[in-house]
Amino acid sequence: MAWKAINIFFLLFYSAAAIDDSAAMLKLANALHPTPLSWSTKNATGYCRWDGVQCDNNDRVIIIYLDRKNLSGTLPFEISTLTKLEHLSLQHNKLSGSLPSLANLTLLRVLFIGDNKFTSIPHDFFEGLVRLQTFDISFNADLAPWFLSSTITQCGRLVYFDAGSANIMGTIPDIFASLPSLRSLYLSDNNLTGTLPASLANPGIEFLHLNNQKIGLSGTIHVLSSMTRLRSVFLQNNQFAGPIPDFSKCQNLAKLKLSDNLFTGIVPTSLVLLTNLKAVILSNNKLQGPVPEFRTNVQANFSGNNFCVKDAHVGCDQQVTTMLEVASALGYPLTFSDSWQGNNACKNWSYITCNEHDWIIAVNFGKQNFTGTLSSSFANLTRLRNLYLNDNNLTASIPESLTKLTQLEVLDVSNNNLTGKIPVFGASVKLITTPGNSLLESNHASTENKVSPSLIAGLLVGIVIFIALLLFLIFKFRVNKRLGRSRSANVHAEWIVHNEAGYHTSNIGNVVIPIEVLQQVTDNFNENNILGVGGFGVVYKGELHDGTKIAVKRMETTAMVTKGMNGFEAEVAVLTKIRHRHLVSLLGYCINGDEAFLRATIALNVAQGVEYLHNLAQQSFIHRDLKPSNILLGDDMRAKVGDFGLVRNVPVGKYSLETRVAGTFGYLAPEYAATGRVTTKVDVYAFGVILMEMITGRKALDHTMEDKGWMFMHLATWFREDLICRKKISKAIDEALNPDKDTLATIYRVAELAVQCTCPEPRQRPDMGMVVNILAPLAQEWKPVAAGQEY
């Protein structure tokens, strides 16, 4: 029996040891032409050392990076057996044929297969890709027409999705509520139709490019008003209609392209006032009203519209302005845009009749199937006699302001969906409200000997308020009485709770105090208020609004790392249970994660700033001196890139430029230091060094490594050469990070990104857009201490 057990154990051990990726890698090597450098088509025993391949400690393939290798051939279905694969990058090649199913690659995070010649994609392609964060299949024009499948919802961690020029057809599915992490959606140059789905109002989306559809997307774009993090919106060359929505909540918007659509109405003021706006293209629409006046540094194009005047400094005629306000309440119907041109509403404007003095005397919107509301601006047409609004789908009520039209003779609102009360018009007005409508004719109803329902409702509300106020006063009296007895024993023994200040009571009865309150009472932890220094941190004196004097102990991050939250919680637990006039009483506490330096968030902020310099500004700029001392932190712990003394702009059409070598040693990319030629990849290299500094806590040039055989340590070289495996990286991590198992895995991924950013060959470094897409989902995971912090 024992021998049998040993055999079974040996069989299991042998089977586990035999699992590797050699068979799949051999199939892939034979499928690619020409065979990649250092790859073998006969023997795959050394596949972990092949060019572009990285393995884990068990010789399982985790990264395949074969961009721009001029490869052709097809992908074998065996690639789906690489079950540990996390990153597959095959873009900018000539690969063709059908894409295989990747359903078994449950660990795959990054998939770049854009700019190839693939011919088909499985309908269930996204099934099983539960950890996919970055997906790019753009510029695959040979793909057979395919639809965006609802199986994309299985990719709940998706951050970046690019399927531009990929021959997609059909509608955009209503799936975005299942993609809360999505930041970039690129679907340009396809054959999409239909309207924008409601779930697209994902407040996290920053880049939305849906331009150049063959037939064209249609409907309104009101959903954009809720997308508060938008930075770039490309919707040109479609069939969108209706007004441009309110952009007041989109304060990050930098680029907006809406040209060659059917937009109507006035350009909203909220768009003009956006402070971060750099480019707005509204040409070839049916926009009306005055010419918008943007700031001088905004690149703007409004040609091919129906503005009332040509000069941005001149307003529209009063009657034109009024009729456009009326049209606004109706959603700016497209039928108005063709004839409502120029600055004279009496010059061939449809639905309008004027007298010999060019005063509007009649408006006939009858039987036009208009929707919306009846505008109060009609009251500004002081000569109006006849107003026909019958047989439409108007809602809401008749504005009271219409009763001020002294020359009004006929008002026909029959066959609509109006509600509310009918205003009292003069005896000379012929008011037609029926058939249709559910109006309450209160002006004709008798109120004699009848109790008003509103009066009854008012009395009931008053009684309820009185009872609630009485109960509150009784409760307040008892609480104050109890507090008074407590204060007589010790004036400092209790914390006074002020709900209006935002304090609240915890489960154990203690007051949880906002950090803003503690900053205020200690004068932002001013040194002049220091009472002493203890094992957990510094003690400050403070005074509350009611004169109560308190002592505030501020626990430092280093104390949290060395002594941990346990010590803090133990002190809270003890002080909660005891009360004595010779013992310190716990008045309240605050756990504030926002004070910790969230390194991943800072890295993401810097990456976003540099990405803007490289790709999103009006011109492409290169910083050339990216380093920690040029990164500033605001009060909200958000990082901002500063010191633009060495910034250079790249002329349009140029990839690089030659300049005098400048910058800081330790952060200089090798090709820049050697040749003086600078590209955006110089900033990528410096950013990689900054990531290494964040991980290790060491400087770019560190003299503390002399005892390990280095005259001085160049961090990037040491990191790339000496920290190849994860075991070595774990020993080099800054002790202040104190990572747990999950955070350690995240740091490994950041370390991989740092290595990619500092590749000696510039073309092998990612661009900052890709860096942002990789860092964005990690910012939630990498935290200096294990406290609840908001990203």
Foldseek 3Di string as FASTA:
>chain_A
DVVVVVVVVVVVVVVVLPDECQVQLLVQQVFKPPRAPPDDNPGRPPVCPGPQWHAAPSNQTATHAAEPVQIEGERDLSVLVSQNHAEYAYEPYAYEEEHHANLSNLNHAYEHHAHYAYAEYDLLNLHNVQNHAYDAHANHQNYDEDEDDLNVLSPQNHAYDAHANPAYEEEDDLRLVSNLNHAEDHHDQYAYEEEDHLNVLRLRHAYAAHDDHPAAYEEEDQSQCSNQNHAEYHRDDHAYEFADYQNLSNLNHAYAEHDHYAYEAADDVNVQPRPNHQEYEHDQYAYEWADDDHDPRHHYHHHNYQYQDDDNVDGADPVLVLVSQQCVQQRNDSVQSPQSHYRQCCPRRPQFHADPVSQTAEGAPEPVQTEGEGDLSVLVSLNHAYYHQDQYAYEEADDLSVLNNPNYQEDAHENYAYEEEDHDHDPRHDYHHDDDYDYDDVVPDDCPPHDDPVVVVVVVVVVVVVVVVVVVVVVVVVVVVVVVVVCVVPVQQEADDDVVQPWDADPLGAIADDPVQVCVFQVHVDPVQWPAADLQGTKGWGADPVGRIDIDGDGDLVSCLVVNCVVVVVVVVVLSPDDDPVDDHRHHYYDAQQVFQLPLQQLLLVLVQQCCCAPVHPFHKAQLADDDVQWDADPSNHIDGHDSVPMDTDPPPDQKDADDRDYDPLLAQPVCVVGRIDGNLSVLLSSLLRLLCQFQVADCWACVCVVVPDNIDRSLVCLLPVVVHLVSSVVRGHSLQVDDPQLSVLSVQSSVLSNQSNPNDSVSHDHSVVVSSSSSSSSCPRGSGPDDHDD
